[in-house]
Amino acid sequence: MIAEKRKLVFPFFLQVPVFLRTTVSAYNAVSGGGSAYTIGGKVTLQGDCEMDVFVHESTHVFDGTYSLSGTSAYLEALYEDSCVPDEYAMTNNVECFAQDMVVFVYYLWDPNFLQNVCMEYEIFYINQLTVPGVQAYKTMVGESHLFNL
């Protein structure tokens, strides 16, 4: 059973950018209804979760490490843009930042993914981050187009 869960989880784990994964102290996969949460640097995934959930929850740990979603620059980006990724992102700036990161990761894999320019300031904010690993990851994805699982 555990080996089977690992086979299901591992491909999604690999798709989480290294700069996000390195801030997470542990990923736990448990049975449940396809939801997830983060407490104290640990991500718990309940049931079947897609890659975007891994990125979203990992971003909460990343944000907790670097306190990015509350900066004046990010809040200004939110104010300047006319939309956010989805309804859940409208909950608060912390959830919006996590959802923005999901969009940013998809955008790095496929620049055509982001056709909607209503989020340009949010994506620009993440694109310009100088915290460890972000720029290196952008370079790696740009050169290799990441994983073909």
C-alpha atoms as a PDB file:
ATOM      1  CA  MET A   1       0.000   0.000   0.000  1.00  0.00           C
ATOM      2  CA  ILE A   2       2.748   2.498   0.931  1.00  0.00           C
ATOM      3  CA  ALA A   3       4.811   1.648  -2.156  1.00  0.00           C
ATOM      4  CA  GLU A   4       1.700   2.100  -4.284  1.00  0.00           C
ATOM      5  CA  LYS A   5       1.050   5.571  -2.796  1.00  0.00           C
ATOM      6  CA  ARG A   6       4.663   6.549  -3.446  1.00  0.00           C
ATOM      7  CA  LYS A   7       4.281   5.618  -7.113  1.00  0.00           C
ATOM      8  CA  LEU A   8       1.244   7.884  -7.357  1.00  0.00           C
ATOM      9  CA  VAL A   9       2.792  10.797  -5.467  1.00  0.00           C
ATOM     10  CA  PHE A  10       6.346  10.800  -6.821  1.00  0.00           C
ATOM     11  CA  PRO A  11       5.666  12.147 -10.354  1.00  0.00           C
ATOM     12  CA  PHE A  12       3.762  15.121  -8.916  1.00  0.00           C
ATOM     13  CA  PHE A  13       6.476  15.714  -6.329  1.00  0.00           C
ATOM     14  CA  LEU A  14       9.099  15.864  -9.098  1.00  0.00           C
ATOM     15  CA  GLN A  15       7.145  18.564 -10.869  1.00  0.00           C
ATOM     16  CA  VAL A  16       7.234  20.901  -7.872  1.00  0.00           C
ATOM     17  CA  PRO A  17      10.089  23.366  -8.493  1.00  0.00           C
ATOM     18  CA  VAL A  18      13.172  22.649  -6.397  1.00  0.00           C
ATOM     19  CA  PHE A  19      13.132  26.131  -4.858  1.00  0.00           C
ATOM     20  CA  LEU A  20       9.690  25.329  -3.410  1.00  0.00           C
ATOM     21  CA  ARG A  21      10.487  21.745  -2.385  1.00  0.00           C
ATOM     22  CA  THR A  22      13.582  22.745  -0.433  1.00  0.00           C
ATOM     23  CA  THR A  23      11.517  24.813   1.991  1.00  0.00           C
ATOM     24  CA  VAL A  24       9.192  21.875   2.811  1.00  0.00           C
ATOM     25  CA  SER A  25      10.359  19.684   5.702  1.00  0.00           C
ATOM     26  CA  ALA A  26       8.065  16.751   4.793  1.00  0.00           C
ATOM     27  CA  TYR A  27       5.337  15.635   2.419  1.00  0.00           C
ATOM     28  CA  ASN A  28       2.754  13.271   3.889  1.00  0.00           C
ATOM     29  CA  ALA A  29       0.257  11.373   1.744  1.00  0.00           C
ATOM     30  CA  VAL A  30      -2.751  10.073   3.647  1.00  0.00           C
ATOM     31  CA  SER A  31      -6.142   8.757   2.625  1.00  0.00           C
ATOM     32  CA  GLY A  32      -8.895  11.285   2.317  1.00  0.00           C
ATOM     33  CA  GLY A  33     -10.987  13.306  -0.037  1.00  0.00           C
ATOM     34  CA  GLY A  34      -8.507  15.042  -2.337  1.00  0.00           C
ATOM     35  CA  SER A  35      -7.603  18.029  -0.189  1.00  0.00           C
ATOM     36  CA  ALA A  36      -4.388  19.263   1.373  1.00  0.00           C
ATOM     37  CA  TYR A  37      -3.030  21.481   4.112  1.00  0.00           C
ATOM     38  CA  THR A  38       0.240  22.855   5.407  1.00  0.00           C
ATOM     39  CA  ILE A  39       1.298  23.093   9.046  1.00  0.00           C
ATOM     40  CA  GLY A  40       4.732  24.052  10.300  1.00  0.00           C
ATOM     41  CA  GLY A  41       6.620  23.375   7.092  1.00  0.00           C
ATOM     42  CA  LYS A  42       4.920  20.028   6.457  1.00  0.00           C
ATOM     43  CA  VAL A  43       2.546  19.419   3.567  1.00  0.00           C
ATOM     44  CA  THR A  44      -0.185  16.832   4.033  1.00  0.00           C
ATOM     45  CA  LEU A  45      -2.020  15.605   0.949  1.00  0.00           C
ATOM     46  CA  GLN A  46      -5.287  13.767   1.535  1.00  0.00           C
ATOM     47  CA  GLY A  47      -6.352  11.370  -1.192  1.00  0.00           C
ATOM     48  CA  ASP A  48      -5.737  12.032  -4.868  1.00  0.00           C
ATOM     49  CA  CYS A  49      -4.153  15.445  -5.380  1.00  0.00           C
ATOM     50  CA  GLU A  50      -2.940  16.842  -8.671  1.00  0.00           C
ATOM     51  CA  MET A  51       0.353  18.626  -9.290  1.00  0.00           C
ATOM     52  CA  ASP A  52      -1.168  22.070  -8.803  1.00  0.00           C
ATOM     53  CA  VAL A  53      -2.079  21.121  -5.214  1.00  0.00           C
ATOM     54  CA  PHE A  54       1.537  20.098  -4.556  1.00  0.00           C
ATOM     55  CA  VAL A  55       2.745  23.456  -5.912  1.00  0.00           C
ATOM     56  CA  HIS A  56       0.066  25.416  -4.044  1.00  0.00           C
ATOM     57  CA  GLU A  57       0.806  23.807  -0.665  1.00  0.00           C
ATOM     58  CA  SER A  58       4.574  23.963  -1.182  1.00  0.00           C
ATOM     59  CA  THR A  59       4.171  27.664  -1.928  1.00  0.00           C
ATOM     60  CA  HIS A  60       2.579  28.177   1.484  1.00  0.00           C
ATOM     61  CA  VAL A  61       5.764  26.829   3.103  1.00  0.00           C
ATOM     62  CA  PHE A  62       7.932  28.889   0.723  1.00  0.00           C
ATOM     63  CA  ASP A  63       5.877  31.987   1.550  1.00  0.00           C
ATOM     64  CA  GLY A  64       6.134  31.207   5.259  1.00  0.00           C
ATOM     65  CA  THR A  65       9.907  31.056   4.884  1.00  0.00           C
ATOM     66  CA  TYR A  66      10.325  34.312   2.948  1.00  0.00           C
ATOM     67  CA  SER A  67       7.118  36.263   3.846  1.00  0.00           C
ATOM     68  CA  LEU A  68       6.375  37.254   0.258  1.00  0.00           C
ATOM     69  CA  SER A  69       2.574  37.424   0.069  1.00  0.00           C
ATOM     70  CA  GLY A  70       2.397  40.316   2.518  1.00  0.00           C
ATOM     71  CA  THR A  71       5.033  42.556   0.986  1.00  0.00           C
ATOM     72  CA  SER A  72       3.976  45.957  -0.247  1.00  0.00           C
ATOM     73  CA  ALA A  73       5.275  45.026  -3.719  1.00  0.00           C
ATOM     74  CA  TYR A  74       3.033  41.965  -3.948  1.00  0.00           C
ATOM     75  CA  LEU A  75      -0.003  43.736  -2.514  1.00  0.00           C
ATOM     76  CA  GLU A  76       0.532  46.538  -5.026  1.00  0.00           C
ATOM     77  CA  ALA A  77       0.700  43.956  -7.827  1.00  0.00           C
ATOM     78  CA  LEU A  78      -2.640  42.550  -6.684  1.00  0.00           C
ATOM     79  CA  TYR A  79      -4.113  46.034  -6.643  1.00  0.00           C
ATOM     80  CA  GLU A  80      -2.825  46.802 -10.159  1.00  0.00           C
ATOM     81  CA  ASP A  81      -4.119  43.612 -11.777  1.00  0.00           C
ATOM     82  CA  SER A  82      -7.724  43.206 -12.827  1.00  0.00           C
ATOM     83  CA  CYS A  83      -8.002  39.496 -11.991  1.00  0.00           C
ATOM     84  CA  VAL A  84      -6.619  36.644  -9.916  1.00  0.00           C
ATOM     85  CA  PRO A  85      -6.177  32.990 -10.924  1.00  0.00           C
ATOM     86  CA  ASP A  86      -9.508  31.722  -9.582  1.00  0.00           C
ATOM     87  CA  GLU A  87     -12.208  32.248  -6.986  1.00  0.00           C
ATOM     88  CA  TYR A  88     -10.167  30.560  -4.248  1.00  0.00           C
ATOM     89  CA  ALA A  89      -7.383  33.106  -4.799  1.00  0.00           C
ATOM     90  CA  MET A  90      -9.851  35.802  -3.777  1.00  0.00           C
ATOM     91  CA  THR A  91      -9.872  34.382  -0.220  1.00  0.00           C
ATOM     92  CA  ASN A  92      -6.833  36.446   0.833  1.00  0.00           C
ATOM     93  CA  ASN A  93      -3.372  37.480  -0.363  1.00  0.00           C
ATOM     94  CA  VAL A  94      -1.744  34.299   1.031  1.00  0.00           C
ATOM     95  CA  GLU A  95      -4.024  32.014  -0.998  1.00  0.00           C
ATOM     96  CA  CYS A  96      -3.703  34.291  -4.013  1.00  0.00           C
ATOM     97  CA  PHE A  97       0.093  34.099  -3.867  1.00  0.00           C
ATOM     98  CA  ALA A  98      -0.068  30.287  -3.751  1.00  0.00           C
ATOM     99  CA  GLN A  99      -2.425  30.225  -6.739  1.00  0.00           C
ATOM    100  CA  ASP A 100      -0.261  32.759  -8.589  1.00  0.00           C
ATOM    101  CA  MET A 101       2.714  30.436  -8.124  1.00  0.00           C
ATOM    102  CA  VAL A 102       0.759  27.590  -9.710  1.00  0.00           C
ATOM    103  CA  VAL A 103       0.055  29.819 -12.718  1.00  0.00           C
ATOM    104  CA  PHE A 104       3.697  30.917 -12.803  1.00  0.00           C
ATOM    105  CA  VAL A 105       4.957  27.303 -12.837  1.00  0.00           C
ATOM    106  CA  TYR A 106       2.599  26.386 -15.695  1.00  0.00           C
ATOM    107  CA  TYR A 107       3.701  29.539 -17.506  1.00  0.00           C
ATOM    108  CA  LEU A 108       7.372  28.559 -17.214  1.00  0.00           C
ATOM    109  CA  TRP A 109       6.621  25.144 -18.687  1.00  0.00           C
ATOM    110  CA  ASP A 110       4.565  26.640 -21.504  1.00  0.00           C
ATOM    111  CA  PRO A 111       4.786  30.388 -22.192  1.00  0.00           C
ATOM    112  CA  ASN A 112       1.557  30.119 -24.223  1.00  0.00           C
ATOM    113  CA  PHE A 113      -0.287  29.031 -21.077  1.00  0.00           C
ATOM    114  CA  LEU A 114      -0.724  32.593 -19.860  1.00  0.00           C
ATOM    115  CA  GLN A 115      -2.831  34.236 -22.519  1.00  0.00           C
ATOM    116  CA  ASN A 116      -4.712  36.370 -20.024  1.00  0.00           C
ATOM    117  CA  VAL A 117      -2.669  39.488 -19.311  1.00  0.00           C
ATOM    118  CA  CYS A 118      -4.961  40.592 -16.492  1.00  0.00           C
ATOM    119  CA  MET A 119      -2.463  39.019 -14.045  1.00  0.00           C
ATOM    120  CA  GLU A 120       0.690  40.548 -15.477  1.00  0.00           C
ATOM    121  CA  TYR A 121       1.765  42.360 -12.290  1.00  0.00           C
ATOM    122  CA  GLU A 122       1.306  39.286 -10.089  1.00  0.00           C
ATOM    123  CA  ILE A 123       3.325  37.116 -12.481  1.00  0.00           C
ATOM    124  CA  PHE A 124       5.939  39.861 -12.905  1.00  0.00           C
ATOM    125  CA  TYR A 125       6.332  40.012  -9.106  1.00  0.00           C
ATOM    126  CA  ILE A 126       7.065  36.278  -8.890  1.00  0.00           C
ATOM    127  CA  ASN A 127       9.260  36.409 -11.991  1.00  0.00           C
ATOM    128  CA  GLN A 128      11.477  39.036 -10.355  1.00  0.00           C
ATOM    129  CA  LEU A 129      11.914  37.269  -6.996  1.00  0.00           C
ATOM    130  CA  THR A 130      15.527  37.040  -5.921  1.00  0.00           C
ATOM    131  CA  VAL A 131      15.049  34.450  -3.172  1.00  0.00           C
ATOM    132  CA  PRO A 132      17.247  31.349  -3.541  1.00  0.00           C
ATOM    133  CA  GLY A 133      16.527  29.136  -6.507  1.00  0.00           C
ATOM    134  CA  VAL A 134      13.875  31.075  -8.428  1.00  0.00           C
ATOM    135  CA  GLN A 135      16.152  32.508 -11.126  1.00  0.00           C
ATOM    136  CA  ALA A 136      18.101  29.229 -11.444  1.00  0.00           C
ATOM    137  CA  TYR A 137      14.836  27.332 -11.907  1.00  0.00           C
ATOM    138  CA  LYS A 138      13.699  29.758 -14.606  1.00  0.00           C
ATOM    139  CA  THR A 139      16.976  29.212 -16.441  1.00  0.00           C
ATOM    140  CA  MET A 140      16.729  25.424 -16.159  1.00  0.00           C
ATOM    141  CA  VAL A 141      13.135  25.318 -17.405  1.00  0.00           C
ATOM    142  CA  GLY A 142      13.908  27.700 -20.228  1.00  0.00           C
ATOM    143  CA  GLU A 143      16.737  25.481 -21.434  1.00  0.00           C
ATOM    144  CA  SER A 144      15.327  22.001 -20.915  1.00  0.00           C
ATOM    145  CA  HIS A 145      11.556  22.432 -20.706  1.00  0.00           C
ATOM    146  CA  LEU A 146      11.650  20.367 -17.540  1.00  0.00           C
ATOM    147  CA  PHE A 147      10.261  16.867 -17.126  1.00  0.00           C
ATOM    148  CA  ASN A 148       8.618  14.672 -19.706  1.00  0.00           C
ATOM    149  CA  LEU A 149       6.972  12.126 -17.436  1.00  0.00           C
END
